[in-house]
C-alpha atoms as a PDB file:
ATOM      1  CA  MET A   1      75.808 126.738 121.914  1.00  0.00           C
ATOM      2  CA  THR A   2      77.538 123.469 123.393  1.00  0.00           C
ATOM      3  CA  SER A   3      80.834 122.432 121.794  1.00  0.00           C
ATOM      4  CA  LEU A   4      80.938 118.611 121.590  1.00  0.00           C
ATOM      5  CA  ARG A   5      84.546 116.569 121.780  1.00  0.00           C
ATOM      6  CA  GLY A   6      85.773 113.664 120.845  1.00  0.00           C
ATOM      7  CA  TYR A   7      87.504 111.729 118.152  1.00  0.00           C
ATOM      8  CA  PHE A   8      85.119 109.105 118.143  1.00  0.00           C
ATOM      9  CA  PRO A   9      81.984 109.045 119.469  1.00  0.00           C
ATOM     10  CA  PRO A  10      80.202 108.845 122.218  1.00  0.00           C
ATOM     11  CA  LYS A  11      81.301 112.924 121.025  1.00  0.00           C
ATOM     12  CA  THR A  12      80.485 115.251 125.021  1.00  0.00           C
ATOM     13  CA  ALA A  13      81.257 118.391 126.386  1.00  0.00           C
ATOM     14  CA  THR A  14      84.643 117.320 127.610  1.00  0.00           C
ATOM     15  CA  GLY A  15      85.538 114.071 125.347  1.00  0.00           C
ATOM     16  CA  ALA A  16      86.095 112.063 128.032  1.00  0.00           C
ATOM     17  CA  ALA A  17      83.925 108.880 127.037  1.00  0.00           C
ATOM     18  CA  SER A  18      85.068 108.850 123.363  1.00  0.00           C
ATOM     19  CA  LEU A  19      84.996 105.965 122.270  1.00  0.00           C
ATOM     20  CA  VAL A  20      88.965 105.972 120.850  1.00  0.00           C
ATOM     21  CA  PRO A  21      91.556 108.613 121.114  1.00  0.00           C
ATOM     22  CA  ALA A  22      93.375 110.825 118.465  1.00  0.00           C
ATOM     23  CA  PRO A  23      96.304 109.349 116.696  1.00  0.00           C
ATOM     24  CA  PRO A  24      99.158 108.304 117.253  1.00  0.00           C
ATOM     25  CA  TRP A  25      98.324 104.856 118.304  1.00  0.00           C
ATOM     26  CA  ARG A  26     100.740 103.443 120.077  1.00  0.00           C
ATOM     27  CA  TYR A  27     101.041  99.458 119.795  1.00  0.00           C
ATOM     28  CA  SER A  28     104.138  96.714 122.322  1.00  0.00           C
ATOM     29  CA  GLY A  29     103.048  93.375 121.237  1.00  0.00           C
ATOM     30  CA  ASP A  30     103.837  89.543 121.107  1.00  0.00           C
ATOM     31  CA  LEU A  31     102.836  87.937 117.739  1.00  0.00           C
ATOM     32  CA  LEU A  32     103.042  84.679 116.300  1.00  0.00           C
ATOM     33  CA  THR A  33     102.408  84.202 112.461  1.00  0.00           C
ATOM     34  CA  VAL A  34     101.540  81.039 110.315  1.00  0.00           C
ATOM     35  CA  GLU A  35     101.860  80.871 106.881  1.00  0.00           C
ATOM     36  CA  TYR A  36     100.549  78.719 104.445  1.00  0.00           C
ATOM     37  CA  ARG A  37      99.079  78.711 101.007  1.00  0.00           C
ATOM     38  CA  THR A  38      95.667  78.150 100.397  1.00  0.00           C
ATOM     39  CA  ASP A  39      93.992  77.589  96.786  1.00  0.00           C
ATOM     40  CA  PRO A  40      94.758  80.791  95.195  1.00  0.00           C
ATOM     41  CA  GLY A  41      90.909  81.137  93.790  1.00  0.00           C
ATOM     42  CA  ARG A  42      89.362  81.472  97.496  1.00  0.00           C
ATOM     43  CA  VAL A  43      92.259  84.850  97.566  1.00  0.00           C
ATOM     44  CA  ARG A  44      90.989  85.988  94.556  1.00  0.00           C
ATOM     45  CA  GLU A  45      87.160  85.869  95.526  1.00  0.00           C
ATOM     46  CA  LEU A  46      88.230  88.436  98.503  1.00  0.00           C
ATOM     47  CA  LEU A  47      89.478  91.400  96.357  1.00  0.00           C
ATOM     48  CA  PRO A  48      87.167  93.750  95.432  1.00  0.00           C
ATOM     49  CA  GLU A  49      87.712  95.928  92.286  1.00  0.00           C
ATOM     50  CA  PRO A  50      90.380  97.162  91.518  1.00  0.00           C
ATOM     51  CA  LEU A  51      92.753  94.546  93.304  1.00  0.00           C
ATOM     52  CA  GLU A  52      94.050  91.266  91.579  1.00  0.00           C
ATOM     53  CA  PRO A  53      95.852  88.869  93.212  1.00  0.00           C
ATOM     54  CA  ALA A  54      99.489  88.779  93.885  1.00  0.00           C
ATOM     55  CA  ALA A  55     101.793  88.032  90.651  1.00  0.00           C
ATOM     56  CA  GLU A  56     104.221  85.778  92.691  1.00  0.00           C
ATOM     57  CA  ASP A  57     102.517  83.170  94.983  1.00  0.00           C
ATOM     58  CA  PRO A  58      99.260  84.047  95.263  1.00  0.00           C
ATOM     59  CA  GLY A  59      97.760  81.602  97.070  1.00  0.00           C
ATOM     60  CA  ALA A  60      99.527  82.831 100.721  1.00  0.00           C
ATOM     61  CA  VAL A  61      98.127  83.292 104.034  1.00  0.00           C
ATOM     62  CA  ALA A  62      99.386  84.522 107.076  1.00  0.00           C
ATOM     63  CA  LEU A  63      97.093  84.029 110.059  1.00  0.00           C
ATOM     64  CA  ILE A  64      98.385  85.845 113.051  1.00  0.00           C
ATOM     65  CA  TRP A  65      97.798  86.126 116.473  1.00  0.00           C
ATOM     66  CA  ALA A  66      99.378  89.408 118.248  1.00  0.00           C
ATOM     67  CA  ASP A  67      98.784  90.069 122.509  1.00  0.00           C
ATOM     68  CA  TRP A  68      98.969  93.779 122.498  1.00  0.00           C
ATOM     69  CA  GLN A  69      99.378  96.988 125.629  1.00  0.00           C
ATOM     70  CA  SER A  70      98.077 100.507 123.124  1.00  0.00           C
ATOM     71  CA  CYS A  71      97.711 103.811 123.969  1.00  0.00           C
ATOM     72  CA  ALA A  72      97.638 107.140 122.461  1.00  0.00           C
ATOM     73  CA  ASP A  73      99.659 110.043 123.608  1.00  0.00           C
ATOM     74  CA  PRO A  74     100.761 110.657 126.184  1.00  0.00           C
ATOM     75  CA  GLY A  75     100.496 106.799 127.142  1.00  0.00           C
ATOM     76  CA  ARG A  76      97.535 106.950 130.517  1.00  0.00           C
ATOM     77  CA  GLU A  77      95.743 103.978 129.037  1.00  0.00           C
ATOM     78  CA  LEU A  78      99.385 101.950 130.220  1.00  0.00           C
ATOM     79  CA  LEU A  79      98.254 102.376 134.008  1.00  0.00           C
ATOM     80  CA  ASP A  80      94.844 101.836 133.376  1.00  0.00           C
ATOM     81  CA  PRO A  81      95.449  98.311 131.717  1.00  0.00           C
ATOM     82  CA  VAL A  82      91.935  97.807 130.625  1.00  0.00           C
ATOM     83  CA  ARG A  83      91.900 100.543 127.900  1.00  0.00           C
ATOM     84  CA  ALA A  84      95.035  99.146 126.958  1.00  0.00           C
ATOM     85  CA  GLN A  85      95.392  95.366 126.674  1.00  0.00           C
ATOM     86  CA  TYR A  86      94.052  93.151 124.385  1.00  0.00           C
ATOM     87  CA  LYS A  87      93.873  90.095 121.909  1.00  0.00           C
ATOM     88  CA  GLU A  88      93.177  89.815 117.992  1.00  0.00           C
ATOM     89  CA  ALA A  89      93.941  86.816 115.599  1.00  0.00           C
ATOM     90  CA  PHE A  90      94.078  88.122 112.368  1.00  0.00           C
ATOM     91  CA  ALA A  91      94.219  86.657 108.450  1.00  0.00           C
ATOM     92  CA  VAL A  92      96.195  88.638 105.736  1.00  0.00           C
ATOM     93  CA  VAL A  93      97.099  88.012 101.657  1.00  0.00           C
ATOM     94  CA  ARG A  94      98.935  89.990  99.421  1.00  0.00           C
ATOM     95  CA  CYS A  95      97.148  91.576  96.683  1.00  0.00           C
ATOM     96  CA  ALA A  96      98.565  93.860  93.795  1.00  0.00           C
ATOM     97  CA  TYR A  97      97.367  97.852  93.112  1.00  0.00           C
ATOM     98  CA  ARG A  98      98.798  99.378  90.354  1.00  0.00           C
ATOM     99  CA  GLY A  99     101.956  97.193  89.598  1.00  0.00           C
ATOM    100  CA  ARG A 100     102.651  97.175  94.026  1.00  0.00           C
ATOM    101  CA  THR A 101     102.493  94.357  96.108  1.00  0.00           C
ATOM    102  CA  TYR A 102     100.210  95.022  99.322  1.00  0.00           C
ATOM    103  CA  THR A 103      99.133  93.371 101.957  1.00  0.00           C
ATOM    104  CA  ARG A 104      94.813  93.149 102.962  1.00  0.00           C
ATOM    105  CA  CYS A 105      93.514  91.929 105.903  1.00  0.00           C
ATOM    106  CA  VAL A 106      90.724  89.735 104.751  1.00  0.00           C
ATOM    107  CA  PHE A 107      89.339  87.962 108.379  1.00  0.00           C
ATOM    108  CA  ILE A 108      89.725  89.644 112.009  1.00  0.00           C
ATOM    109  CA  TRP A 109      88.973  88.937 115.366  1.00  0.00           C
ATOM    110  CA  VAL A 110      89.762  91.471 118.366  1.00  0.00           C
ATOM    111  CA  ASP A 111      88.276  91.613 121.991  1.00  0.00           C
ATOM    112  CA  LYS A 112      88.196  95.120 123.028  1.00  0.00           C
ATOM    113  CA  ASP A 113      85.513  97.627 121.577  1.00  0.00           C
ATOM    114  CA  PHE A 114      88.281 100.215 121.441  1.00  0.00           C
ATOM    115  CA  ALA A 115      90.128  97.840 119.531  1.00  0.00           C
ATOM    116  CA  LEU A 116      87.578  97.256 116.805  1.00  0.00           C
ATOM    117  CA  ALA A 117      86.633 101.074 116.419  1.00  0.00           C
ATOM    118  CA  ARG A 118      89.716 102.090 115.615  1.00  0.00           C
ATOM    119  CA  GLY A 119      89.867  98.676 113.135  1.00  0.00           C
ATOM    120  CA  LEU A 120      87.449  99.916 111.238  1.00  0.00           C
ATOM    121  CA  HIS A 121      88.778 103.295 111.160  1.00  0.00           C
ATOM    122  CA  GLN A 122      91.799 102.031 109.368  1.00  0.00           C
ATOM    123  CA  GLY A 123      89.503  99.554 107.227  1.00  0.00           C
ATOM    124  CA  TYR A 124      90.058  96.208 108.772  1.00  0.00           C
ATOM    125  CA  PRO A 125      86.989  93.954 109.091  1.00  0.00           C
ATOM    126  CA  LYS A 126      86.907  93.860 112.618  1.00  0.00           C
ATOM    127  CA  LYS A 127      84.645  91.755 114.214  1.00  0.00           C
ATOM    128  CA  LEU A 128      84.699  90.879 118.281  1.00  0.00           C
ATOM    129  CA  GLY A 129      86.104  87.202 119.096  1.00  0.00           C
ATOM    130  CA  SER A 130      88.021  84.952 121.726  1.00  0.00           C
ATOM    131  CA  ILE A 131      91.693  84.988 121.521  1.00  0.00           C
ATOM    132  CA  HIS A 132      94.400  83.565 123.341  1.00  0.00           C
ATOM    133  CA  GLN A 133      97.783  82.618 123.547  1.00  0.00           C
ATOM    134  CA  THR A 134     100.872  81.127 124.867  1.00  0.00           C
ATOM    135  CA  ARG A 135     102.635  83.893 126.781  1.00  0.00           C
ATOM    136  CA  PRO A 136     106.702  83.525 126.921  1.00  0.00           C
ATOM    137  CA  HIS A 137     108.602  83.853 130.472  1.00  0.00           C
ATOM    138  CA  PRO A 138     112.121  83.836 131.657  1.00  0.00           C
ATOM    139  CA  TYR A 139     110.977  81.578 134.553  1.00  0.00           C
ATOM    140  CA  GLY A 140     108.562  78.569 135.672  1.00  0.00           C
ATOM    141  CA  PRO A 141     107.324  76.691 132.927  1.00  0.00           C
ATOM    142  CA  ALA A 142     106.264  79.095 130.290  1.00  0.00           C
ATOM    143  CA  PRO A 143     108.213  78.966 127.333  1.00  0.00           C
ATOM    144  CA  ARG A 144     111.119  80.885 126.669  1.00  0.00           C
ATOM    145  CA  ILE A 145     112.447  82.066 123.383  1.00  0.00           C
ATOM    146  CA  GLU A 146     114.522  79.008 122.031  1.00  0.00           C
ATOM    147  CA  ALA A 147     114.766  76.065 120.306  1.00  0.00           C
ATOM    148  CA  GLY A 148     111.672  73.806 121.071  1.00  0.00           C
ATOM    149  CA  ALA A 149     109.767  76.278 122.188  1.00  0.00           C
ATOM    150  CA  ARG A 150     106.137  75.541 121.944  1.00  0.00           C
ATOM    151  CA  PHE A 151     103.089  77.716 121.996  1.00  0.00           C
ATOM    152  CA  GLY A 152      99.272  77.260 121.542  1.00  0.00           C
ATOM    153  CA  ALA A 153      97.485  79.880 119.927  1.00  0.00           C
ATOM    154  CA  THR A 154      93.380  79.749 119.589  1.00  0.00           C
ATOM    155  CA  LEU A 155      90.635  81.778 117.908  1.00  0.00           C
ATOM    156  CA  ALA A 156      86.658  81.562 118.293  1.00  0.00           C
ATOM    157  CA  ALA A 157      83.955  83.667 117.905  1.00  0.00           C
ATOM    158  CA  ALA A 158      80.266  83.829 118.316  1.00  0.00           C
ATOM    159  CA  ASP A 159      80.712  80.750 120.741  1.00  0.00           C
ATOM    160  CA  ARG A 160      82.495  78.168 118.235  1.00  0.00           C
ATOM    161  CA  ARG A 161      86.085  77.782 117.322  1.00  0.00           C
ATOM    162  CA  LEU A 162      87.498  79.345 114.170  1.00  0.00           C
ATOM    163  CA  ALA A 163      90.864  78.585 114.835  1.00  0.00           C
ATOM    164  CA  GLN A 164      93.727  76.549 116.542  1.00  0.00           C
ATOM    165  CA  ALA A 165      97.495  76.525 115.881  1.00  0.00           C
ATOM    166  CA  VAL A 166     100.856  74.727 118.316  1.00  0.00           C
ATOM    167  CA  VAL A 167     103.896  76.876 116.329  1.00  0.00           C
ATOM    168  CA  THR A 168     107.020  75.369 117.781  1.00  0.00           C
ATOM    169  CA  LEU A 169     110.350  77.400 117.104  1.00  0.00           C
ATOM    170  CA  ARG A 170     113.316  76.394 115.575  1.00  0.00           C
ATOM    171  CA  GLY A 171     116.053  79.132 115.658  1.00  0.00           C
ATOM    172  CA  PRO A 172     116.179  83.052 115.105  1.00  0.00           C
ATOM    173  CA  CYS A 173     115.770  84.200 111.795  1.00  0.00           C
ATOM    174  CA  GLU A 174     115.939  87.381 109.505  1.00  0.00           C
ATOM    175  CA  THR A 175     111.808  88.590 108.721  1.00  0.00           C
ATOM    176  CA  ASN A 176     109.378  87.403 110.659  1.00  0.00           C
ATOM    177  CA  GLY A 177     107.047  85.983 106.659  1.00  0.00           C
ATOM    178  CA  PHE A 178     106.764  87.462 103.800  1.00  0.00           C
ATOM    179  CA  VAL A 179     102.853  87.718 103.790  1.00  0.00           C
ATOM    180  CA  ASN A 180     102.328  90.508 106.329  1.00  0.00           C
ATOM    181  CA  ALA A 181     105.878  92.443 104.945  1.00  0.00           C
ATOM    182  CA  HIS A 182     104.149  95.280 102.732  1.00  0.00           C
ATOM    183  CA  PRO A 183     101.503  98.531 103.335  1.00  0.00           C
ATOM    184  CA  MET A 184      98.046  97.299 103.645  1.00  0.00           C
ATOM    185  CA  LEU A 185      95.700  98.272 101.477  1.00  0.00           C
ATOM    186  CA  HIS A 186      92.112  98.411 102.845  1.00  0.00           C
ATOM    187  CA  HIS A 187      88.895  99.646 102.035  1.00  0.00           C
ATOM    188  CA  ARG A 188      86.962 102.330 103.887  1.00  0.00           C
ATOM    189  CA  TRP A 189      83.226 101.035 103.617  1.00  0.00           C
ATOM    190  CA  LEU A 190      80.065 102.714 105.422  1.00  0.00           C
ATOM    191  CA  PRO A 191      75.917 101.792 104.032  1.00  0.00           C
ATOM    192  CA  ALA A 192      73.944 105.284 103.392  1.00  0.00           C
ATOM    193  CA  VAL A 193      71.507 105.501 106.187  1.00  0.00           C
ATOM    194  CA  GLU A 194      68.881 106.165 102.660  1.00  0.00           C
ATOM    195  CA  LYS A 195      67.996 102.663 101.378  1.00  0.00           C
ATOM    196  CA  GLY A 196      68.948 102.418  98.089  1.00  0.00           C
ATOM    197  CA  LYS A 197      71.807 104.903  97.986  1.00  0.00           C
ATOM    198  CA  GLY A 198      74.355 102.489  97.913  1.00  0.00           C
ATOM    199  CA  LEU A 199      77.694 103.289 100.124  1.00  0.00           C
ATOM    200  CA  ALA A 200      77.851 107.099 101.888  1.00  0.00           C
ATOM    201  CA  LEU A 201      81.847 105.859 102.420  1.00  0.00           C
ATOM    202  CA  ASP A 202      83.832 104.124  99.398  1.00  0.00           C
ATOM    203  CA  GLU A 203      87.540 104.405 100.188  1.00  0.00           C
ATOM    204  CA  LEU A 204      90.207 102.598  99.153  1.00  0.00           C
ATOM    205  CA  ILE A 205      93.646 103.813 101.663  1.00  0.00           C
ATOM    206  CA  GLU A 206      96.844 102.198 101.951  1.00  0.00           C
ATOM    207  CA  SER A 207      98.499 102.794 105.874  1.00  0.00           C
ATOM    208  CA  GLY A 208     101.159 101.054 107.680  1.00  0.00           C
ATOM    209  CA  ALA A 209     103.717 102.052 110.601  1.00  0.00           C
ATOM    210  CA  ALA A 210     105.083 105.474 110.978  1.00  0.00           C
ATOM    211  CA  SER A 211     108.027 103.970 112.964  1.00  0.00           C
ATOM    212  CA  PHE A 212     108.710 100.612 113.756  1.00  0.00           C
ATOM    213  CA  GLU A 213     110.545  98.577 116.296  1.00  0.00           C
ATOM    214  CA  GLY A 214     111.176  94.790 116.504  1.00  0.00           C
ATOM    215  CA  GLY A 215     112.882  92.221 118.435  1.00  0.00           C
ATOM    216  CA  GLN A 216     114.945  88.720 117.143  1.00  0.00           C
ATOM    217  CA  PRO A 217     112.327  87.255 114.829  1.00  0.00           C
ATOM    218  CA  TRP A 218     112.160  83.486 115.550  1.00  0.00           C
ATOM    219  CA  THR A 219     111.386  80.777 112.795  1.00  0.00           C
ATOM    220  CA  GLY A 220     109.671  77.618 113.332  1.00  0.00           C
ATOM    221  CA  GLU A 221     106.522  74.842 112.174  1.00  0.00           C
ATOM    222  CA  ALA A 222     103.308  75.031 112.986  1.00  0.00           C
ATOM    223  CA  GLU A 223      99.978  72.795 113.304  1.00  0.00           C
ATOM    224  CA  LEU A 224      97.175  74.640 111.881  1.00  0.00           C
ATOM    225  CA  GLU A 225      93.443  73.668 111.971  1.00  0.00           C
ATOM    226  CA  LEU A 226      90.474  75.602 110.710  1.00  0.00           C
ATOM    227  CA  PHE A 227      87.093  75.011 111.504  1.00  0.00           C
ATOM    228  CA  GLU A 228      83.604  75.807 109.938  1.00  0.00           C
ATOM    229  CA  ALA A 229      80.966  78.096 111.430  1.00  0.00           C
ATOM    230  CA  PRO A 230      77.767  79.005 110.557  1.00  0.00           C
ATOM    231  CA  THR A 231      78.691  82.922 109.863  1.00  0.00           C
ATOM    232  CA  GLU A 232      82.111  83.101 109.707  1.00  0.00           C
ATOM    233  CA  GLU A 233      84.779  81.992 106.640  1.00  0.00           C
ATOM    234  CA  LEU A 234      88.259  81.704 107.736  1.00  0.00           C
ATOM    235  CA  ALA A 235      87.722  78.185 106.726  1.00  0.00           C
ATOM    236  CA  ARG A 236      87.895  78.654 102.932  1.00  0.00           C
ATOM    237  CA  LEU A 237      91.278  79.811 103.270  1.00  0.00           C
ATOM    238  CA  GLU A 238      92.054  76.509 104.191  1.00  0.00           C
ATOM    239  CA  VAL A 239      95.242  74.744 104.712  1.00  0.00           C
ATOM    240  CA  ARG A 240      96.861  73.275 101.102  1.00  0.00           C
ATOM    241  CA  GLU A 241     100.497  73.798 102.274  1.00  0.00           C
ATOM    242  CA  PRO A 242     102.708  75.288 105.515  1.00  0.00           C
ATOM    243  CA  ILE A 243     105.418  77.313 104.759  1.00  0.00           C
ATOM    244  CA  ALA A 244     106.308  78.780 108.421  1.00  0.00           C
ATOM    245  CA  ALA A 245     105.797  80.453 111.345  1.00  0.00           C
ATOM    246  CA  TYR A 246     107.102  83.088 113.451  1.00  0.00           C
ATOM    247  CA  TYR A 247     107.125  84.311 116.775  1.00  0.00           C
ATOM    248  CA  ARG A 248     108.747  88.105 117.082  1.00  0.00           C
ATOM    249  CA  GLN A 249     108.046  91.113 119.584  1.00  0.00           C
ATOM    250  CA  VAL A 250     107.404  94.716 118.433  1.00  0.00           C
ATOM    251  CA  GLY A 251     106.612  98.065 118.738  1.00  0.00           C
ATOM    252  CA  VAL A 252     104.304 100.382 116.082  1.00  0.00           C
ATOM    253  CA  VAL A 253     103.165 103.786 115.649  1.00  0.00           C
ATOM    254  CA  TRP A 254     100.395 103.731 113.743  1.00  0.00           C
ATOM    255  CA  ASP A 255      99.395 107.628 112.423  1.00  0.00           C
ATOM    256  CA  GLY A 256      97.084 108.203 109.880  1.00  0.00           C
ATOM    257  CA  GLY A 257      97.262 106.905 106.143  1.00  0.00           C
ATOM    258  CA  ARG A 258      96.619 107.940 102.807  1.00  0.00           C
ATOM    259  CA  LEU A 259      93.938 108.369  99.932  1.00  0.00           C
ATOM    260  CA  LEU A 260      94.201 106.374  96.925  1.00  0.00           C
ATOM    261  CA  GLU A 261      90.764 106.136  95.441  1.00  0.00           C
ATOM    262  CA  THR A 262      86.834 107.094  95.969  1.00  0.00           C
ATOM    263  CA  GLY A 263      83.802 104.904  94.790  1.00  0.00           C
ATOM    264  CA  THR A 264      85.673 102.524  92.802  1.00  0.00           C
ATOM    265  CA  SER A 265      85.497  99.053  94.355  1.00  0.00           C
ATOM    266  CA  GLY A 266      81.624  98.008  93.537  1.00  0.00           C
ATOM    267  CA  ALA A 267      80.755  96.933  97.303  1.00  0.00           C
ATOM    268  CA  GLU A 268      77.447  95.911  97.661  1.00  0.00           C
END
């Protein structure tokens, strides 16, 4: 009998065609983060049972743009950049579960299929989009990492612009914000193939970085606009009050998560 190999489909005799290799997955990236407050009720409607809004500042949102290079061990993708480089934009909120505060990604867009597949495995609700952000550089017209530097960021999906931001740096700071500063709490959902059977997979999982390193965070302020679109709901998290903006370079390793509960979300 043929033994099929590969961490993700398509599985083949060699496994070379698998869309995603096995973890650990390693990431190097530039992050632009814009934090703001929205209607806490709009956050609450995105939290299925048994999750609750965060006790403190329940309307806080972070919209994050990330320009990534990624790979599995031993890093071959970095020498074949089409398999390593991608961009994403995602909105995260905070929630509470059994007395602990978590971060939860409620919307996210990426521009490569391998990044989408990895995210669905991790419980991120990934969709395809068009994401761009200004890259820093020490020479020429690109901004340096210094006070007064300005960065633009845009997000579009299905030919509609969903968000745009201009971030102006003011100075170094101690953190990269507070909304995305907790372990991630996600659901992994997969509908049953047979009609009327609900979910074949319904898991509440916790995950985070197996290791993390980061450069000096910088803070500043942002001009952020969100736009309506027929098949997207990011604009429901309307900007009511700006908090702050941040820039940071980071390195992250993801190597699995932890199952917390099964079959309790009530999702359809």
